[in-house]
Amino acid sequence: MNTLFVYGTLRPNQANEHILAPLNGRWQKGYVHGVVHTLDWGPDIGLPAIVLDPIAAQVEGLFFIHDQLDAHLPMLDEFEGLQYERVEVQGFDDNGQPIDAWVYIMKNLHD
């Protein structure tokens, strides 16, 4: 899969845009369904973390599309750290067309 849904600090003009910018991928507006929480503990306190929910409201964001995304996933996993988990999601572009993507969600540490 060559697409990552980004809803937080990895987006352009956000605090951590420098992580994806050197990869020179393509950006496309879109959304997934879920609820964004603000982490209230740990090293990422204050940062957004999504919980996916197909019946929840739309969470607007951007799809980062890169032909070699798989090669960069270990670096992204390490950057995201212990409070996030990478999962597959079906999101949608601005026209409502489905897009399969990776997304970093709030990790359930009680599993």
PDB file of N, CA and C in Angstrom:
ATOM      1  N   MET A   1       0.855  -1.173   0.000  1.00  0.00           N
ATOM      2  CA  MET A   1       0.000   0.000   0.000  1.00  0.00           C
ATOM      3  C   MET A   1       0.905   1.240   0.000  1.00  0.00           C
ATOM      4  N   ASN A   2       0.571   2.205  -0.806  1.00  0.00           N
ATOM      5  CA  ASN A   2       1.447   3.369  -0.981  1.00  0.00           C
ATOM      6  C   ASN A   2       0.835   4.673  -0.466  1.00  0.00           C
ATOM      7  N   THR A   3      -0.148   4.569   0.461  1.00  0.00           N
ATOM      8  CA  THR A   3      -0.864   5.754   0.921  1.00  0.00           C
ATOM      9  C   THR A   3      -0.951   5.765   2.443  1.00  0.00           C
ATOM     10  N   LEU A   4      -0.755   6.954   3.017  1.00  0.00           N
ATOM     11  CA  LEU A   4      -0.853   7.161   4.455  1.00  0.00           C
ATOM     12  C   LEU A   4      -1.833   8.291   4.708  1.00  0.00           C
ATOM     13  N   PHE A   5      -2.829   8.067   5.569  1.00  0.00           N
ATOM     14  CA  PHE A   5      -3.746   9.140   5.950  1.00  0.00           C
ATOM     15  C   PHE A   5      -3.128   9.897   7.120  1.00  0.00           C
ATOM     16  N   VAL A   6      -3.017  11.213   6.958  1.00  0.00           N
ATOM     17  CA  VAL A   6      -2.360  12.067   7.948  1.00  0.00           C
ATOM     18  C   VAL A   6      -3.374  13.107   8.435  1.00  0.00           C
ATOM     19  N   TYR A   7      -3.540  13.185   9.747  1.00  0.00           N
ATOM     20  CA  TYR A   7      -4.526  14.102  10.326  1.00  0.00           C
ATOM     21  C   TYR A   7      -3.922  15.026  11.376  1.00  0.00           C
ATOM     22  N   GLY A   8      -2.640  14.864  11.688  1.00  0.00           N
ATOM     23  CA  GLY A   8      -2.025  15.631  12.772  1.00  0.00           C
ATOM     24  C   GLY A   8      -0.784  16.382  12.344  1.00  0.00           C
ATOM     25  N   THR A   9       0.273  16.223  13.114  1.00  0.00           N
ATOM     26  CA  THR A   9       1.460  17.066  12.972  1.00  0.00           C
ATOM     27  C   THR A   9       2.353  16.718  11.791  1.00  0.00           C
ATOM     28  N   LEU A  10       2.081  15.629  11.072  1.00  0.00           N
ATOM     29  CA  LEU A  10       2.883  15.293   9.891  1.00  0.00           C
ATOM     30  C   LEU A  10       2.437  16.040   8.632  1.00  0.00           C
ATOM     31  N   ARG A  11       1.299  16.703   8.706  1.00  0.00           N
ATOM     32  CA  ARG A  11       0.787  17.446   7.544  1.00  0.00           C
ATOM     33  C   ARG A  11       1.666  18.647   7.218  1.00  0.00           C
ATOM     34  N   PRO A  12       1.595  19.125   5.974  1.00  0.00           N
ATOM     35  CA  PRO A  12       2.331  20.357   5.614  1.00  0.00           C
ATOM     36  C   PRO A  12       1.932  21.515   6.533  1.00  0.00           C
ATOM     37  N   ASN A  13       2.909  22.330   6.856  1.00  0.00           N
ATOM     38  CA  ASN A  13       2.730  23.509   7.715  1.00  0.00           C
ATOM     39  C   ASN A  13       2.392  23.161   9.160  1.00  0.00           C
ATOM     40  N   GLN A  14       2.717  21.939   9.583  1.00  0.00           N
ATOM     41  CA  GLN A  14       2.538  21.526  10.964  1.00  0.00           C
ATOM     42  C   GLN A  14       3.906  21.209  11.566  1.00  0.00           C
ATOM     43  N   ALA A  15       3.945  20.960  12.865  1.00  0.00           N
ATOM     44  CA  ALA A  15       5.201  20.835  13.609  1.00  0.00           C
ATOM     45  C   ALA A  15       6.149  19.762  13.080  1.00  0.00           C
ATOM     46  N   ASN A  16       5.624  18.655  12.584  1.00  0.00           N
ATOM     47  CA  ASN A  16       6.482  17.555  12.146  1.00  0.00           C
ATOM     48  C   ASN A  16       6.446  17.311  10.636  1.00  0.00           C
ATOM     49  N   GLU A  17       6.147  18.351   9.883  1.00  0.00           N
ATOM     50  CA  GLU A  17       6.118  18.210   8.426  1.00  0.00           C
ATOM     51  C   GLU A  17       7.462  17.760   7.871  1.00  0.00           C
ATOM     52  N   HIS A  18       8.544  18.028   8.595  1.00  0.00           N
ATOM     53  CA  HIS A  18       9.892  17.676   8.133  1.00  0.00           C
ATOM     54  C   HIS A  18      10.112  16.161   8.032  1.00  0.00           C
ATOM     55  N   ILE A  19       9.238  15.378   8.601  1.00  0.00           N
ATOM     56  CA  ILE A  19       9.381  13.919   8.533  1.00  0.00           C
ATOM     57  C   ILE A  19       9.020  13.401   7.134  1.00  0.00           C
ATOM     58  N   LEU A  20       7.929  13.877   6.572  1.00  0.00           N
ATOM     59  CA  LEU A  20       7.472  13.406   5.252  1.00  0.00           C
ATOM     60  C   LEU A  20       7.962  14.274   4.093  1.00  0.00           C
ATOM     61  N   ALA A  21       8.256  15.538   4.351  1.00  0.00           N
ATOM     62  CA  ALA A  21       8.630  16.456   3.271  1.00  0.00           C
ATOM     63  C   ALA A  21       9.776  15.945   2.397  1.00  0.00           C
ATOM     64  N   PRO A  22      10.854  15.368   2.956  1.00  0.00           N
ATOM     65  CA  PRO A  22      11.961  14.924   2.098  1.00  0.00           C
ATOM     66  C   PRO A  22      11.602  13.763   1.167  1.00  0.00           C
ATOM     67  N   LEU A  23      10.487  13.094   1.436  1.00  0.00           N
ATOM     68  CA  LEU A  23      10.096  11.943   0.614  1.00  0.00           C
ATOM     69  C   LEU A  23       9.464  12.362  -0.710  1.00  0.00           C
ATOM     70  N   ASN A  24       9.079  13.634  -0.803  1.00  0.00           N
ATOM     71  CA  ASN A  24       8.505  14.183  -2.044  1.00  0.00           C
ATOM     72  C   ASN A  24       7.320  13.377  -2.559  1.00  0.00           C
ATOM     73  N   GLY A  25       6.418  13.061  -1.658  1.00  0.00           N
ATOM     74  CA  GLY A  25       5.187  12.380  -2.066  1.00  0.00           C
ATOM     75  C   GLY A  25       4.153  13.377  -2.560  1.00  0.00           C
ATOM     76  N   ARG A  26       2.995  12.855  -2.887  1.00  0.00           N
ATOM     77  CA  ARG A  26       1.879  13.665  -3.377  1.00  0.00           C
ATOM     78  C   ARG A  26       0.819  13.731  -2.279  1.00  0.00           C
ATOM     79  N   TRP A  27       0.165  14.854  -2.141  1.00  0.00           N
ATOM     80  CA  TRP A  27      -0.873  15.061  -1.125  1.00  0.00           C
ATOM     81  C   TRP A  27      -2.248  15.143  -1.778  1.00  0.00           C
ATOM     82  N   GLN A  28      -3.238  14.566  -1.113  1.00  0.00           N
ATOM     83  CA  GLN A  28      -4.615  14.629  -1.604  1.00  0.00           C
ATOM     84  C   GLN A  28      -5.551  14.779  -0.399  1.00  0.00           C
ATOM     85  N   LYS A  29      -6.463  15.737  -0.472  1.00  0.00           N
ATOM     86  CA  LYS A  29      -7.424  15.945   0.611  1.00  0.00           C
ATOM     87  C   LYS A  29      -8.370  14.754   0.713  1.00  0.00           C
ATOM     88  N   GLY A  30      -8.808  14.497   1.938  1.00  0.00           N
ATOM     89  CA  GLY A  30      -9.767  13.421   2.146  1.00  0.00           C
ATOM     90  C   GLY A  30     -10.168  13.307   3.599  1.00  0.00           C
ATOM     91  N   TYR A  31     -10.775  12.182   3.929  1.00  0.00           N
ATOM     92  CA  TYR A  31     -11.248  11.981   5.300  1.00  0.00           C
ATOM     93  C   TYR A  31     -11.387  10.499   5.616  1.00  0.00           C
ATOM     94  N   VAL A  32     -11.430  10.227   6.915  1.00  0.00           N
ATOM     95  CA  VAL A  32     -11.786   8.921   7.443  1.00  0.00           C
ATOM     96  C   VAL A  32     -12.870   9.169   8.486  1.00  0.00           C
ATOM     97  N   HIS A  33     -13.473   8.109   8.972  1.00  0.00           N
ATOM     98  CA  HIS A  33     -14.469   8.250  10.035  1.00  0.00           C
ATOM     99  C   HIS A  33     -13.838   7.862  11.361  1.00  0.00           C
ATOM    100  N   GLY A  34     -14.018   8.717  12.362  1.00  0.00           N
ATOM    101  CA  GLY A  34     -13.466   8.437  13.676  1.00  0.00           C
ATOM    102  C   GLY A  34     -13.601   9.627  14.596  1.00  0.00           C
ATOM    103  N   VAL A  35     -12.914   9.511  15.727  1.00  0.00           N
ATOM    104  CA  VAL A  35     -12.906  10.566  16.734  1.00  0.00           C
ATOM    105  C   VAL A  35     -11.452  10.852  17.081  1.00  0.00           C
ATOM    106  N   VAL A  36     -11.070  12.114  17.063  1.00  0.00           N
ATOM    107  CA  VAL A  36      -9.715  12.510  17.414  1.00  0.00           C
ATOM    108  C   VAL A  36      -9.693  12.923  18.883  1.00  0.00           C
ATOM    109  N   HIS A  37      -8.791  12.301  19.629  1.00  0.00           N
ATOM    110  CA  HIS A  37      -8.584  12.611  21.039  1.00  0.00           C
ATOM    111  C   HIS A  37      -7.246  13.330  21.186  1.00  0.00           C
ATOM    112  N   THR A  38      -7.058  13.984  22.302  1.00  0.00           N
ATOM    113  CA  THR A  38      -5.767  14.578  22.640  1.00  0.00           C
ATOM    114  C   THR A  38      -5.126  13.700  23.702  1.00  0.00           C
ATOM    115  N   LEU A  39      -3.934  13.202  23.403  1.00  0.00           N
ATOM    116  CA  LEU A  39      -3.257  12.335  24.361  1.00  0.00           C
ATOM    117  C   LEU A  39      -2.977  13.113  25.646  1.00  0.00           C
ATOM    118  N   ASP A  40      -3.271  12.478  26.790  1.00  0.00           N
ATOM    119  CA  ASP A  40      -3.118  13.168  28.074  1.00  0.00           C
ATOM    120  C   ASP A  40      -2.087  12.507  28.987  1.00  0.00           C
ATOM    121  N   TRP A  41      -1.225  11.680  28.398  1.00  0.00           N
ATOM    122  CA  TRP A  41      -0.155  11.043  29.164  1.00  0.00           C
ATOM    123  C   TRP A  41       0.963  10.645  28.204  1.00  0.00           C
ATOM    124  N   GLY A  42       2.107  10.325  28.764  1.00  0.00           N
ATOM    125  CA  GLY A  42       3.206   9.787  27.970  1.00  0.00           C
ATOM    126  C   GLY A  42       3.981  10.826  27.184  1.00  0.00           C
ATOM    127  N   PRO A  43       4.902  10.339  26.335  1.00  0.00           N
ATOM    128  CA  PRO A  43       5.801  11.245  25.605  1.00  0.00           C
ATOM    129  C   PRO A  43       5.090  12.105  24.556  1.00  0.00           C
ATOM    130  N   ASP A  44       3.912  11.707  24.128  1.00  0.00           N
ATOM    131  CA  ASP A  44       3.201  12.456  23.089  1.00  0.00           C
ATOM    132  C   ASP A  44       2.035  13.261  23.659  1.00  0.00           C
ATOM    133  N   ILE A  45       2.107  13.592  24.929  1.00  0.00           N
ATOM    134  CA  ILE A  45       1.035  14.350  25.569  1.00  0.00           C
ATOM    135  C   ILE A  45       0.715  15.614  24.765  1.00  0.00           C
ATOM    136  N   GLY A  46      -0.565  15.853  24.589  1.00  0.00           N
ATOM    137  CA  GLY A  46      -1.019  17.038  23.866  1.00  0.00           C
ATOM    138  C   GLY A  46      -1.194  16.842  22.368  1.00  0.00           C
ATOM    139  N   LEU A  47      -0.751  15.692  21.848  1.00  0.00           N
ATOM    140  CA  LEU A  47      -0.869  15.448  20.407  1.00  0.00           C
ATOM    141  C   LEU A  47      -2.172  14.723  20.071  1.00  0.00           C
ATOM    142  N   PRO A  48      -2.656  14.883  18.845  1.00  0.00           N
ATOM    143  CA  PRO A  48      -3.897  14.214  18.457  1.00  0.00           C
ATOM    144  C   PRO A  48      -3.674  12.728  18.193  1.00  0.00           C
ATOM    145  N   ALA A  49      -4.692  11.939  18.515  1.00  0.00           N
ATOM    146  CA  ALA A  49      -4.677  10.501  18.228  1.00  0.00           C
ATOM    147  C   ALA A  49      -6.095  10.080  17.882  1.00  0.00           C
ATOM    148  N   ILE A  50      -6.251   9.444  16.741  1.00  0.00           N
ATOM    149  CA  ILE A  50      -7.575   9.073  16.261  1.00  0.00           C
ATOM    150  C   ILE A  50      -7.962   7.678  16.738  1.00  0.00           C
ATOM    151  N   VAL A  51      -9.250   7.517  17.001  1.00  0.00           N
ATOM    152  CA  VAL A  51      -9.867   6.216  17.202  1.00  0.00           C
ATOM    153  C   VAL A  51     -10.849   6.061  16.047  1.00  0.00           C
ATOM    154  N   LEU A  52     -10.623   5.062  15.203  1.00  0.00           N
ATOM    155  CA  LEU A  52     -11.479   4.865  14.033  1.00  0.00           C
ATOM    156  C   LEU A  52     -12.846   4.352  14.457  1.00  0.00           C
ATOM    157  N   ASP A  53     -13.874   4.833  13.770  1.00  0.00           N
ATOM    158  CA  ASP A  53     -15.248   4.416  14.041  1.00  0.00           C
ATOM    159  C   ASP A  53     -16.064   4.683  12.779  1.00  0.00           C
ATOM    160  N   PRO A  54     -16.517   3.627  12.094  1.00  0.00           N
ATOM    161  CA  PRO A  54     -17.200   3.820  10.811  1.00  0.00           C
ATOM    162  C   PRO A  54     -18.506   4.609  10.897  1.00  0.00           C
ATOM    163  N   ILE A  55     -19.080   4.748  12.097  1.00  0.00           N
ATOM    164  CA  ILE A  55     -20.327   5.520  12.203  1.00  0.00           C
ATOM    165  C   ILE A  55     -20.101   6.906  12.805  1.00  0.00           C
ATOM    166  N   ALA A  56     -18.855   7.240  13.097  1.00  0.00           N
ATOM    167  CA  ALA A  56     -18.532   8.562  13.651  1.00  0.00           C
ATOM    168  C   ALA A  56     -18.427   9.593  12.528  1.00  0.00           C
ATOM    169  N   ALA A  57     -18.234  10.809  12.936  1.00  0.00           N
ATOM    170  CA  ALA A  57     -18.102  11.924  11.993  1.00  0.00           C
ATOM    171  C   ALA A  57     -16.841  11.783  11.143  1.00  0.00           C
ATOM    172  N   GLN A  58     -16.775  12.577  10.106  1.00  0.00           N
ATOM    173  CA  GLN A  58     -15.591  12.614   9.248  1.00  0.00           C
ATOM    174  C   GLN A  58     -14.464  13.348   9.960  1.00  0.00           C
ATOM    175  N   VAL A  59     -13.272  12.794   9.842  1.00  0.00           N
ATOM    176  CA  VAL A  59     -12.066  13.470  10.301  1.00  0.00           C
ATOM    177  C   VAL A  59     -11.318  13.880   9.037  1.00  0.00           C
ATOM    178  N   GLU A  60     -11.234  15.177   8.823  1.00  0.00           N
ATOM    179  CA  GLU A  60     -10.562  15.703   7.634  1.00  0.00           C
ATOM    180  C   GLU A  60      -9.059  15.554   7.782  1.00  0.00           C
ATOM    181  N   GLY A  61      -8.406  15.288   6.680  1.00  0.00           N
ATOM    182  CA  GLY A  61      -6.963  15.172   6.686  1.00  0.00           C
ATOM    183  C   GLY A  61      -6.438  15.124   5.263  1.00  0.00           C
ATOM    184  N   LEU A  62      -5.258  14.566   5.132  1.00  0.00           N
ATOM    185  CA  LEU A  62      -4.616  14.456   3.828  1.00  0.00           C
ATOM    186  C   LEU A  62      -4.089  13.044   3.635  1.00  0.00           C
ATOM    187  N   PHE A  63      -4.195  12.577   2.414  1.00  0.00           N
ATOM    188  CA  PHE A  63      -3.553  11.319   2.041  1.00  0.00           C
ATOM    189  C   PHE A  63      -2.187  11.663   1.475  1.00  0.00           C
ATOM    190  N   PHE A  64      -1.149  11.032   2.047  1.00  0.00           N
ATOM    191  CA  PHE A  64       0.209  11.164   1.543  1.00  0.00           C
ATOM    192  C   PHE A  64       0.470   9.939   0.678  1.00  0.00           C
ATOM    193  N   ILE A  65       0.734  10.165  -0.604  1.00  0.00           N
ATOM    194  CA  ILE A  65       0.877   9.083  -1.573  1.00  0.00           C
ATOM    195  C   ILE A  65       2.320   9.049  -2.060  1.00  0.00           C
ATOM    196  N   HIS A  66       2.947   7.884  -1.920  1.00  0.00           N
ATOM    197  CA  HIS A  66       4.357   7.740  -2.284  1.00  0.00           C
ATOM    198  C   HIS A  66       4.567   6.316  -2.792  1.00  0.00           C
ATOM    199  N   ASP A  67       5.142   6.171  -3.985  1.00  0.00           N
ATOM    200  CA  ASP A  67       5.325   4.857  -4.598  1.00  0.00           C
ATOM    201  C   ASP A  67       6.160   3.906  -3.749  1.00  0.00           C
ATOM    202  N   GLN A  68       7.036   4.435  -2.933  1.00  0.00           N
ATOM    203  CA  GLN A  68       7.937   3.614  -2.117  1.00  0.00           C
ATOM    204  C   GLN A  68       7.607   3.739  -0.620  1.00  0.00           C
ATOM    205  N   LEU A  69       6.350   4.004  -0.290  1.00  0.00           N
ATOM    206  CA  LEU A  69       5.986   4.230   1.109  1.00  0.00           C
ATOM    207  C   LEU A  69       6.397   3.061   2.006  1.00  0.00           C
ATOM    208  N   ASP A  70       6.228   1.834   1.528  1.00  0.00           N
ATOM    209  CA  ASP A  70       6.570   0.665   2.354  1.00  0.00           C
ATOM    210  C   ASP A  70       8.000   0.728   2.879  1.00  0.00           C
ATOM    211  N   ALA A  71       8.918   1.252   2.089  1.00  0.00           N
ATOM    212  CA  ALA A  71      10.315   1.335   2.504  1.00  0.00           C
ATOM    213  C   ALA A  71      10.512   2.308   3.664  1.00  0.00           C
ATOM    214  N   HIS A  72       9.574   3.241   3.855  1.00  0.00           N
ATOM    215  CA  HIS A  72       9.701   4.256   4.887  1.00  0.00           C
ATOM    216  C   HIS A  72       8.863   3.954   6.131  1.00  0.00           C
ATOM    217  N   LEU A  73       8.073   2.889   6.095  1.00  0.00           N
ATOM    218  CA  LEU A  73       7.199   2.585   7.230  1.00  0.00           C
ATOM    219  C   LEU A  73       7.965   2.288   8.518  1.00  0.00           C
ATOM    220  N   PRO A  74       9.089   1.561   8.487  1.00  0.00           N
ATOM    221  CA  PRO A  74       9.816   1.360   9.756  1.00  0.00           C
ATOM    222  C   PRO A  74      10.242   2.675  10.410  1.00  0.00           C
ATOM    223  N   MET A  75      10.689   3.647   9.612  1.00  0.00           N
ATOM    224  CA  MET A  75      11.064   4.953  10.142  1.00  0.00           C
ATOM    225  C   MET A  75       9.838   5.657  10.729  1.00  0.00           C
ATOM    226  N   LEU A  76       8.706   5.581  10.032  1.00  0.00           N
ATOM    227  CA  LEU A  76       7.488   6.223  10.525  1.00  0.00           C
ATOM    228  C   LEU A  76       6.982   5.540  11.791  1.00  0.00           C
ATOM    229  N   ASP A  77       7.050   4.205  11.838  1.00  0.00           N
ATOM    230  CA  ASP A  77       6.629   3.484  13.041  1.00  0.00           C
ATOM    231  C   ASP A  77       7.456   3.931  14.243  1.00  0.00           C
ATOM    232  N   GLU A  78       8.761   4.055  14.045  1.00  0.00           N
ATOM    233  CA  GLU A  78       9.637   4.479  15.140  1.00  0.00           C
ATOM    234  C   GLU A  78       9.319   5.911  15.552  1.00  0.00           C
ATOM    235  N   PHE A  79       9.100   6.782  14.572  1.00  0.00           N
ATOM    236  CA  PHE A  79       8.767   8.172  14.886  1.00  0.00           C
ATOM    237  C   PHE A  79       7.472   8.255  15.691  1.00  0.00           C
ATOM    238  N   GLU A  80       6.458   7.518  15.280  1.00  0.00           N
ATOM    239  CA  GLU A  80       5.155   7.588  15.950  1.00  0.00           C
ATOM    240  C   GLU A  80       5.220   7.049  17.380  1.00  0.00           C
ATOM    241  N   GLY A  81       6.060   6.068  17.634  1.00  0.00           N
ATOM    242  CA  GLY A  81       6.307   5.620  19.002  1.00  0.00           C
ATOM    243  C   GLY A  81       5.242   4.726  19.600  1.00  0.00           C
ATOM    244  N   LEU A  82       5.321   4.569  20.920  1.00  0.00           N
ATOM    245  CA  LEU A  82       4.525   3.569  21.623  1.00  0.00           C
ATOM    246  C   LEU A  82       3.060   3.928  21.803  1.00  0.00           C
ATOM    247  N   GLN A  83       2.673   5.168  21.587  1.00  0.00           N
ATOM    248  CA  GLN A  83       1.281   5.546  21.812  1.00  0.00           C
ATOM    249  C   GLN A  83       0.412   5.452  20.552  1.00  0.00           C
ATOM    250  N   TYR A  84       1.041   5.066  19.446  1.00  0.00           N
ATOM    251  CA  TYR A  84       0.312   4.951  18.180  1.00  0.00           C
ATOM    252  C   TYR A  84       0.530   3.569  17.579  1.00  0.00           C
ATOM    253  N   GLU A  85      -0.445   3.142  16.798  1.00  0.00           N
ATOM    254  CA  GLU A  85      -0.380   1.870  16.093  1.00  0.00           C
ATOM    255  C   GLU A  85      -0.782   2.108  14.643  1.00  0.00           C
ATOM    256  N   ARG A  86      -0.028   1.528  13.711  1.00  0.00           N
ATOM    257  CA  ARG A  86      -0.355   1.675  12.286  1.00  0.00           C
ATOM    258  C   ARG A  86      -1.322   0.576  11.880  1.00  0.00           C
ATOM    259  N   VAL A  87      -2.462   0.977  11.295  1.00  0.00           N
ATOM    260  CA  VAL A  87      -3.477   0.035  10.829  1.00  0.00           C
ATOM    261  C   VAL A  87      -3.955   0.459   9.443  1.00  0.00           C
ATOM    262  N   GLU A  88      -4.618  -0.461   8.761  1.00  0.00           N
ATOM    263  CA  GLU A  88      -5.233  -0.142   7.475  1.00  0.00           C
ATOM    264  C   GLU A  88      -6.598   0.490   7.703  1.00  0.00           C
ATOM    265  N   VAL A  89      -6.948   1.428   6.835  1.00  0.00           N
ATOM    266  CA  VAL A  89      -8.249   2.084   6.912  1.00  0.00           C
ATOM    267  C   VAL A  89      -8.737   2.345   5.495  1.00  0.00           C
ATOM    268  N   GLN A  90     -10.047   2.357   5.345  1.00  0.00           N
ATOM    269  CA  GLN A  90     -10.604   2.827   4.085  1.00  0.00           C
ATOM    270  C   GLN A  90     -11.087   4.250   4.315  1.00  0.00           C
ATOM    271  N   GLY A  91     -10.426   5.178   3.653  1.00  0.00           N
ATOM    272  CA  GLY A  91     -10.819   6.567   3.708  1.00  0.00           C
ATOM    273  C   GLY A  91     -11.487   6.954   2.403  1.00  0.00           C
ATOM    274  N   PHE A  92     -11.718   8.250   2.255  1.00  0.00           N
ATOM    275  CA  PHE A  92     -12.417   8.749   1.073  1.00  0.00           C
ATOM    276  C   PHE A  92     -11.808  10.065   0.634  1.00  0.00           C
ATOM    277  N   ASP A  93     -11.741  10.255  -0.691  1.00  0.00           N
ATOM    278  CA  ASP A  93     -11.262  11.534  -1.195  1.00  0.00           C
ATOM    279  C   ASP A  93     -12.409  12.539  -1.185  1.00  0.00           C
ATOM    280  N   ASP A  94     -12.140  13.751  -1.654  1.00  0.00           N
ATOM    281  CA  ASP A  94     -13.156  14.814  -1.636  1.00  0.00           C
ATOM    282  C   ASP A  94     -14.403  14.480  -2.449  1.00  0.00           C
ATOM    283  N   ASN A  95     -14.274  13.535  -3.382  1.00  0.00           N
ATOM    284  CA  ASN A  95     -15.415  13.144  -4.208  1.00  0.00           C
ATOM    285  C   ASN A  95     -16.129  11.918  -3.658  1.00  0.00           C
ATOM    286  N   GLY A  96     -15.708  11.463  -2.466  1.00  0.00           N
ATOM    287  CA  GLY A  96     -16.340  10.298  -1.853  1.00  0.00           C
ATOM    288  C   GLY A  96     -15.838   8.965  -2.377  1.00  0.00           C
ATOM    289  N   GLN A  97     -14.775   8.989  -3.185  1.00  0.00           N
ATOM    290  CA  GLN A  97     -14.206   7.752  -3.712  1.00  0.00           C
ATOM    291  C   GLN A  97     -13.326   7.103  -2.643  1.00  0.00           C
ATOM    292  N   PRO A  98     -13.474   5.781  -2.444  1.00  0.00           N
ATOM    293  CA  PRO A  98     -12.692   5.120  -1.404  1.00  0.00           C
ATOM    294  C   PRO A  98     -11.199   5.078  -1.726  1.00  0.00           C
ATOM    295  N   ILE A  99     -10.406   5.194  -0.666  1.00  0.00           N
ATOM    296  CA  ILE A  99      -8.952   5.107  -0.756  1.00  0.00           C
ATOM    297  C   ILE A  99      -8.472   4.239   0.408  1.00  0.00           C
ATOM    298  N   ASP A 100      -7.768   3.163   0.106  1.00  0.00           N
ATOM    299  CA  ASP A 100      -7.165   2.337   1.152  1.00  0.00           C
ATOM    300  C   ASP A 100      -5.846   2.965   1.554  1.00  0.00           C
ATOM    301  N   ALA A 101      -5.634   3.065   2.864  1.00  0.00           N
ATOM    302  CA  ALA A 101      -4.440   3.744   3.364  1.00  0.00           C
ATOM    303  C   ALA A 101      -4.034   3.182   4.714  1.00  0.00           C
ATOM    304  N   TRP A 102      -2.797   3.472   5.076  1.00  0.00           N
ATOM    305  CA  TRP A 102      -2.344   3.278   6.445  1.00  0.00           C
ATOM    306  C   TRP A 102      -2.750   4.503   7.239  1.00  0.00           C
ATOM    307  N   VAL A 103      -2.931   4.340   8.544  1.00  0.00           N
ATOM    308  CA  VAL A 103      -3.174   5.465   9.444  1.00  0.00           C
ATOM    309  C   VAL A 103      -2.617   5.081  10.809  1.00  0.00           C
ATOM    310  N   TYR A 104      -2.119   6.072  11.526  1.00  0.00           N
ATOM    311  CA  TYR A 104      -1.664   5.839  12.898  1.00  0.00           C
ATOM    312  C   TYR A 104      -2.800   6.207  13.840  1.00  0.00           C
ATOM    313  N   ILE A 105      -3.243   5.210  14.612  1.00  0.00           N
ATOM    314  CA  ILE A 105      -4.354   5.392  15.536  1.00  0.00           C
ATOM    315  C   ILE A 105      -3.835   5.371  16.971  1.00  0.00           C
ATOM    316  N   MET A 106      -4.689   5.795  17.904  1.00  0.00           N
ATOM    317  CA  MET A 106      -4.339   5.722  19.313  1.00  0.00           C
ATOM    318  C   MET A 106      -4.251   4.245  19.700  1.00  0.00           C
ATOM    319  N   LYS A 107      -3.119   3.864  20.241  1.00  0.00           N
ATOM    320  CA  LYS A 107      -2.888   2.475  20.615  1.00  0.00           C
ATOM    321  C   LYS A 107      -3.628   2.157  21.904  1.00  0.00           C
ATOM    322  N   ASN A 108      -4.298   1.013  21.898  1.00  0.00           N
ATOM    323  CA  ASN A 108      -4.962   0.535  23.104  1.00  0.00           C
ATOM    324  C   ASN A 108      -3.923  -0.255  23.897  1.00  0.00           C
ATOM    325  N   LEU A 109      -3.400   0.346  24.940  1.00  0.00           N
ATOM    326  CA  LEU A 109      -2.321  -0.278  25.705  1.00  0.00           C
ATOM    327  C   LEU A 109      -2.831  -1.293  26.715  1.00  0.00           C
ATOM    328  N   HIS A 110      -4.144  -1.518  26.725  1.00  0.00           N
ATOM    329  CA  HIS A 110      -4.722  -2.472  27.674  1.00  0.00           C
ATOM    330  C   HIS A 110      -4.940  -3.840  27.059  1.00  0.00           C
ATOM    331  N   ASP A 111      -4.542  -4.016  25.800  1.00  0.00           N
ATOM    332  CA  ASP A 111      -4.701  -5.326  25.140  1.00  0.00           C
ATOM    333  C   ASP A 111      -3.651  -6.295  25.634  1.00  0.00           C
TER     334      ASP A 111
END
